[in-house]
Amino acid sequence: MVSLTGNIGRNVTRITDAARVRVRVVTDTTLVHMCSADEWERCRATGHRIPDTFAADGFVHLSTTGQVHLPANRLFAGRDDIVLLYLDASALGSDVRWEPGVPTDPASMLFPHLYGPLPAHAVTAVRPYRRGPDGAFEPPPAR
């Protein structure tokens, strides 16, 4: 079992059954969460976001701007109501772990998972996330 914990761009601890090893995670530093515009409005009203998948997964799915198009195309194909919540990682208040995605993602790609509710105050910007002319989501700007 491999579990990565820590913050973006910092040393993180990789825990294996055999040993504890320090590694450096090099990745895009902008964290985003995608949801519908209605879900964002509920987050603003309640002060936090707990997606429907939280009970089953135990975490909130996050991405970097360089990888968010992968889950967007899997989960939100054909939708036009998606927004990207740009996040201040230091304001998330819960552990962020970098873990593998689904088998069709690049083998070396790790996705950030937030092990707690997403606080509305950690959202620094909200932008519509629209599909391109070919109907697919593309990587958005970093900010």
C-alpha atoms as a PDB file:
ATOM      1  CA  MET A   1       0.000   0.000   0.000  1.00  0.00           C
ATOM      2  CA  VAL A   2       1.315   3.462  -0.897  1.00  0.00           C
ATOM      3  CA  SER A   3       0.000   6.641   0.657  1.00  0.00           C
ATOM      4  CA  LEU A   4       1.336  10.110  -0.018  1.00  0.00           C
ATOM      5  CA  THR A   5       0.623  12.937   2.357  1.00  0.00           C
ATOM      6  CA  GLY A   6       1.731  16.536   2.499  1.00  0.00           C
ATOM      7  CA  ASN A   7       1.322  19.826   0.711  1.00  0.00           C
ATOM      8  CA  ILE A   8       2.160  20.776  -2.845  1.00  0.00           C
ATOM      9  CA  GLY A   9       5.834  21.372  -3.515  1.00  0.00           C
ATOM     10  CA  ARG A  10       6.939  20.251  -0.068  1.00  0.00           C
ATOM     11  CA  ASN A  11       8.695  17.116   0.975  1.00  0.00           C
ATOM     12  CA  VAL A  12       6.150  14.423   1.626  1.00  0.00           C
ATOM     13  CA  THR A  13       6.408  11.096   3.312  1.00  0.00           C
ATOM     14  CA  ARG A  14       5.897   7.995   1.216  1.00  0.00           C
ATOM     15  CA  ILE A  15       4.818   5.133   3.395  1.00  0.00           C
ATOM     16  CA  THR A  16       5.232   1.577   2.200  1.00  0.00           C
ATOM     17  CA  ASP A  17       4.960  -1.682   4.060  1.00  0.00           C
ATOM     18  CA  ALA A  18       8.739  -1.965   4.093  1.00  0.00           C
ATOM     19  CA  ALA A  19      10.099   1.520   4.762  1.00  0.00           C
ATOM     20  CA  ARG A  20       9.488   5.205   5.187  1.00  0.00           C
ATOM     21  CA  VAL A  21      11.184   7.285   2.467  1.00  0.00           C
ATOM     22  CA  ARG A  22      11.293  11.061   1.881  1.00  0.00           C
ATOM     23  CA  VAL A  23      10.445  12.070  -1.701  1.00  0.00           C
ATOM     24  CA  ARG A  24       9.893  15.343  -3.519  1.00  0.00           C
ATOM     25  CA  VAL A  25       6.577  15.812  -5.330  1.00  0.00           C
ATOM     26  CA  VAL A  26       6.969  18.092  -8.323  1.00  0.00           C
ATOM     27  CA  THR A  27       3.663  19.214  -9.742  1.00  0.00           C
ATOM     28  CA  ASP A  28       1.498  22.135 -10.752  1.00  0.00           C
ATOM     29  CA  THR A  29       0.851  24.184  -7.636  1.00  0.00           C
ATOM     30  CA  THR A  30      -2.662  25.408  -8.460  1.00  0.00           C
ATOM     31  CA  LEU A  31      -5.365  23.232  -6.898  1.00  0.00           C
ATOM     32  CA  VAL A  32      -8.904  23.254  -8.264  1.00  0.00           C
ATOM     33  CA  HIS A  33     -12.185  21.514  -7.551  1.00  0.00           C
ATOM     34  CA  MET A  34     -14.914  21.212 -10.163  1.00  0.00           C
ATOM     35  CA  CYS A  35     -18.610  21.165  -9.480  1.00  0.00           C
ATOM     36  CA  SER A  36     -21.829  22.550 -10.892  1.00  0.00           C
ATOM     37  CA  ALA A  37     -22.675  26.212 -10.446  1.00  0.00           C
ATOM     38  CA  ASP A  38     -25.590  25.147  -8.199  1.00  0.00           C
ATOM     39  CA  GLU A  39     -23.252  23.077  -6.016  1.00  0.00           C
ATOM     40  CA  TRP A  40     -20.961  26.111  -5.676  1.00  0.00           C
ATOM     41  CA  GLU A  41     -23.910  28.246  -4.574  1.00  0.00           C
ATOM     42  CA  ARG A  42     -24.799  25.647  -1.910  1.00  0.00           C
ATOM     43  CA  CYS A  43     -21.152  25.676  -0.779  1.00  0.00           C
ATOM     44  CA  ARG A  44     -21.266  29.444  -0.395  1.00  0.00           C
ATOM     45  CA  ALA A  45     -24.518  29.224   1.570  1.00  0.00           C
ATOM     46  CA  THR A  46     -23.341  26.479   3.958  1.00  0.00           C
ATOM     47  CA  GLY A  47     -19.669  27.482   4.182  1.00  0.00           C
ATOM     48  CA  HIS A  48     -18.365  24.123   2.947  1.00  0.00           C
ATOM     49  CA  ARG A  49     -18.702  21.521   0.225  1.00  0.00           C
ATOM     50  CA  ILE A  50     -19.149  17.830   0.870  1.00  0.00           C
ATOM     51  CA  PRO A  51     -19.684  16.087  -2.492  1.00  0.00           C
ATOM     52  CA  ASP A  52     -22.041  13.120  -2.826  1.00  0.00           C
ATOM     53  CA  THR A  53     -18.978  10.896  -3.335  1.00  0.00           C
ATOM     54  CA  PHE A  54     -17.463  11.862   0.040  1.00  0.00           C
ATOM     55  CA  ALA A  55     -19.215   9.139   2.063  1.00  0.00           C
ATOM     56  CA  ALA A  56     -17.994   6.393  -0.277  1.00  0.00           C
ATOM     57  CA  ASP A  57     -14.520   7.795  -1.057  1.00  0.00           C
ATOM     58  CA  GLY A  58     -13.694   9.512   2.228  1.00  0.00           C
ATOM     59  CA  PHE A  59     -12.247  12.570   0.485  1.00  0.00           C
ATOM     60  CA  VAL A  60     -13.000  15.476  -1.843  1.00  0.00           C
ATOM     61  CA  HIS A  61     -11.524  15.045  -5.329  1.00  0.00           C
ATOM     62  CA  LEU A  62      -9.189  17.879  -6.323  1.00  0.00           C
ATOM     63  CA  SER A  63      -6.956  18.353  -9.346  1.00  0.00           C
ATOM     64  CA  THR A  64      -4.266  20.646 -10.625  1.00  0.00           C
ATOM     65  CA  THR A  65      -5.045  22.843 -13.600  1.00  0.00           C
ATOM     66  CA  GLY A  66      -2.811  20.599 -15.708  1.00  0.00           C
ATOM     67  CA  GLN A  67      -4.846  17.475 -15.007  1.00  0.00           C
ATOM     68  CA  VAL A  68      -8.432  18.610 -14.315  1.00  0.00           C
ATOM     69  CA  HIS A  69      -9.491  18.015 -17.915  1.00  0.00           C
ATOM     70  CA  LEU A  70      -9.020  14.246 -17.447  1.00  0.00           C
ATOM     71  CA  PRO A  71     -11.731  13.758 -14.794  1.00  0.00           C
ATOM     72  CA  ALA A  72     -13.827  16.531 -16.379  1.00  0.00           C
ATOM     73  CA  ASN A  73     -14.084  14.609 -19.640  1.00  0.00           C
ATOM     74  CA  ARG A  74     -14.913  11.375 -17.771  1.00  0.00           C
ATOM     75  CA  LEU A  75     -17.454  12.815 -15.346  1.00  0.00           C
ATOM     76  CA  PHE A  76     -18.954  15.905 -16.974  1.00  0.00           C
ATOM     77  CA  ALA A  77     -18.997  15.149 -20.709  1.00  0.00           C
ATOM     78  CA  GLY A  78     -21.669  17.225 -22.424  1.00  0.00           C
ATOM     79  CA  ARG A  79     -22.318  19.486 -19.430  1.00  0.00           C
ATOM     80  CA  ASP A  80     -22.216  23.268 -19.605  1.00  0.00           C
ATOM     81  CA  ASP A  81     -22.858  24.136 -15.941  1.00  0.00           C
ATOM     82  CA  ILE A  82     -19.419  23.274 -14.527  1.00  0.00           C
ATOM     83  CA  VAL A  83     -17.298  25.758 -12.606  1.00  0.00           C
ATOM     84  CA  LEU A  84     -13.722  25.500 -11.373  1.00  0.00           C
ATOM     85  CA  LEU A  85     -13.056  26.525  -7.805  1.00  0.00           C
ATOM     86  CA  TYR A  86      -9.470  27.762  -7.512  1.00  0.00           C
ATOM     87  CA  LEU A  87      -8.172  26.975  -4.036  1.00  0.00           C
ATOM     88  CA  ASP A  88      -5.757  28.344  -1.477  1.00  0.00           C
ATOM     89  CA  ALA A  89      -4.109  25.099  -0.339  1.00  0.00           C
ATOM     90  CA  SER A  90      -3.039  26.659   2.964  1.00  0.00           C
ATOM     91  CA  ALA A  91      -6.698  27.356   3.873  1.00  0.00           C
ATOM     92  CA  LEU A  92      -8.078  23.858   3.261  1.00  0.00           C
ATOM     93  CA  GLY A  93      -7.844  22.845   6.923  1.00  0.00           C
ATOM     94  CA  SER A  94      -7.573  19.089   6.285  1.00  0.00           C
ATOM     95  CA  ASP A  95      -4.938  16.717   4.995  1.00  0.00           C
ATOM     96  CA  VAL A  96      -4.280  16.708   1.233  1.00  0.00           C
ATOM     97  CA  ARG A  97      -2.898  13.404  -0.034  1.00  0.00           C
ATOM     98  CA  TRP A  98      -1.492  12.848  -3.516  1.00  0.00           C
ATOM     99  CA  GLU A  99      -2.778   9.508  -4.748  1.00  0.00           C
ATOM    100  CA  PRO A 100      -3.241   7.610  -8.032  1.00  0.00           C
ATOM    101  CA  GLY A 101      -6.302   8.345 -10.132  1.00  0.00           C
ATOM    102  CA  VAL A 102      -8.116   5.778 -12.249  1.00  0.00           C
ATOM    103  CA  PRO A 103      -6.362   3.119 -14.361  1.00  0.00           C
ATOM    104  CA  THR A 104      -6.743   5.152 -17.571  1.00  0.00           C
ATOM    105  CA  ASP A 105      -4.786   8.106 -16.121  1.00  0.00           C
ATOM    106  CA  PRO A 106      -1.024   8.244 -16.748  1.00  0.00           C
ATOM    107  CA  ALA A 107       0.659   5.811 -14.350  1.00  0.00           C
ATOM    108  CA  SER A 108       2.885   8.457 -12.756  1.00  0.00           C
ATOM    109  CA  MET A 109       0.064  10.997 -12.269  1.00  0.00           C
ATOM    110  CA  LEU A 110      -1.046  11.612  -8.708  1.00  0.00           C
ATOM    111  CA  PHE A 111      -4.203  13.535  -7.838  1.00  0.00           C
ATOM    112  CA  PRO A 112      -4.746  15.643  -4.719  1.00  0.00           C
ATOM    113  CA  HIS A 113      -7.466  14.354  -2.396  1.00  0.00           C
ATOM    114  CA  LEU A 114      -8.775  16.497   0.466  1.00  0.00           C
ATOM    115  CA  TYR A 115      -9.598  14.373   3.530  1.00  0.00           C
ATOM    116  CA  GLY A 116     -12.238  16.690   4.926  1.00  0.00           C
ATOM    117  CA  PRO A 117     -14.910  19.112   3.757  1.00  0.00           C
ATOM    118  CA  LEU A 118     -13.891  21.809   1.289  1.00  0.00           C
ATOM    119  CA  PRO A 119     -14.252  25.143   3.125  1.00  0.00           C
ATOM    120  CA  ALA A 120     -15.788  27.958   1.074  1.00  0.00           C
ATOM    121  CA  HIS A 121     -13.225  30.414   2.485  1.00  0.00           C
ATOM    122  CA  ALA A 122     -10.435  28.435   0.731  1.00  0.00           C
ATOM    123  CA  VAL A 123     -11.899  29.344  -2.678  1.00  0.00           C
ATOM    124  CA  THR A 124      -9.951  32.231  -4.195  1.00  0.00           C
ATOM    125  CA  ALA A 125     -11.655  32.348  -7.604  1.00  0.00           C
ATOM    126  CA  VAL A 126     -14.552  30.720  -9.428  1.00  0.00           C
ATOM    127  CA  ARG A 127     -14.489  30.400 -13.200  1.00  0.00           C
ATOM    128  CA  PRO A 128     -16.861  28.742 -15.651  1.00  0.00           C
ATOM    129  CA  TYR A 129     -15.315  25.604 -17.146  1.00  0.00           C
ATOM    130  CA  ARG A 130     -16.510  25.268 -20.715  1.00  0.00           C
ATOM    131  CA  ARG A 131     -15.889  22.603 -23.295  1.00  0.00           C
ATOM    132  CA  GLY A 132     -13.827  23.442 -26.361  1.00  0.00           C
ATOM    133  CA  PRO A 133     -15.074  23.493 -29.969  1.00  0.00           C
ATOM    134  CA  ASP A 134     -14.572  19.721 -30.196  1.00  0.00           C
ATOM    135  CA  GLY A 135     -16.799  19.159 -27.129  1.00  0.00           C
ATOM    136  CA  ALA A 136     -13.919  18.198 -24.826  1.00  0.00           C
ATOM    137  CA  PHE A 137     -12.617  19.996 -21.756  1.00  0.00           C
ATOM    138  CA  GLU A 138      -9.055  21.317 -22.068  1.00  0.00           C
ATOM    139  CA  PRO A 139      -6.624  22.327 -19.311  1.00  0.00           C
ATOM    140  CA  PRO A 140      -7.654  25.783 -18.004  1.00  0.00           C
ATOM    141  CA  PRO A 141      -5.348  28.698 -17.172  1.00  0.00           C
ATOM    142  CA  ALA A 142      -3.424  28.307 -13.914  1.00  0.00           C
ATOM    143  CA  ARG A 143      -5.109  31.454 -12.541  1.00  0.00           C
END
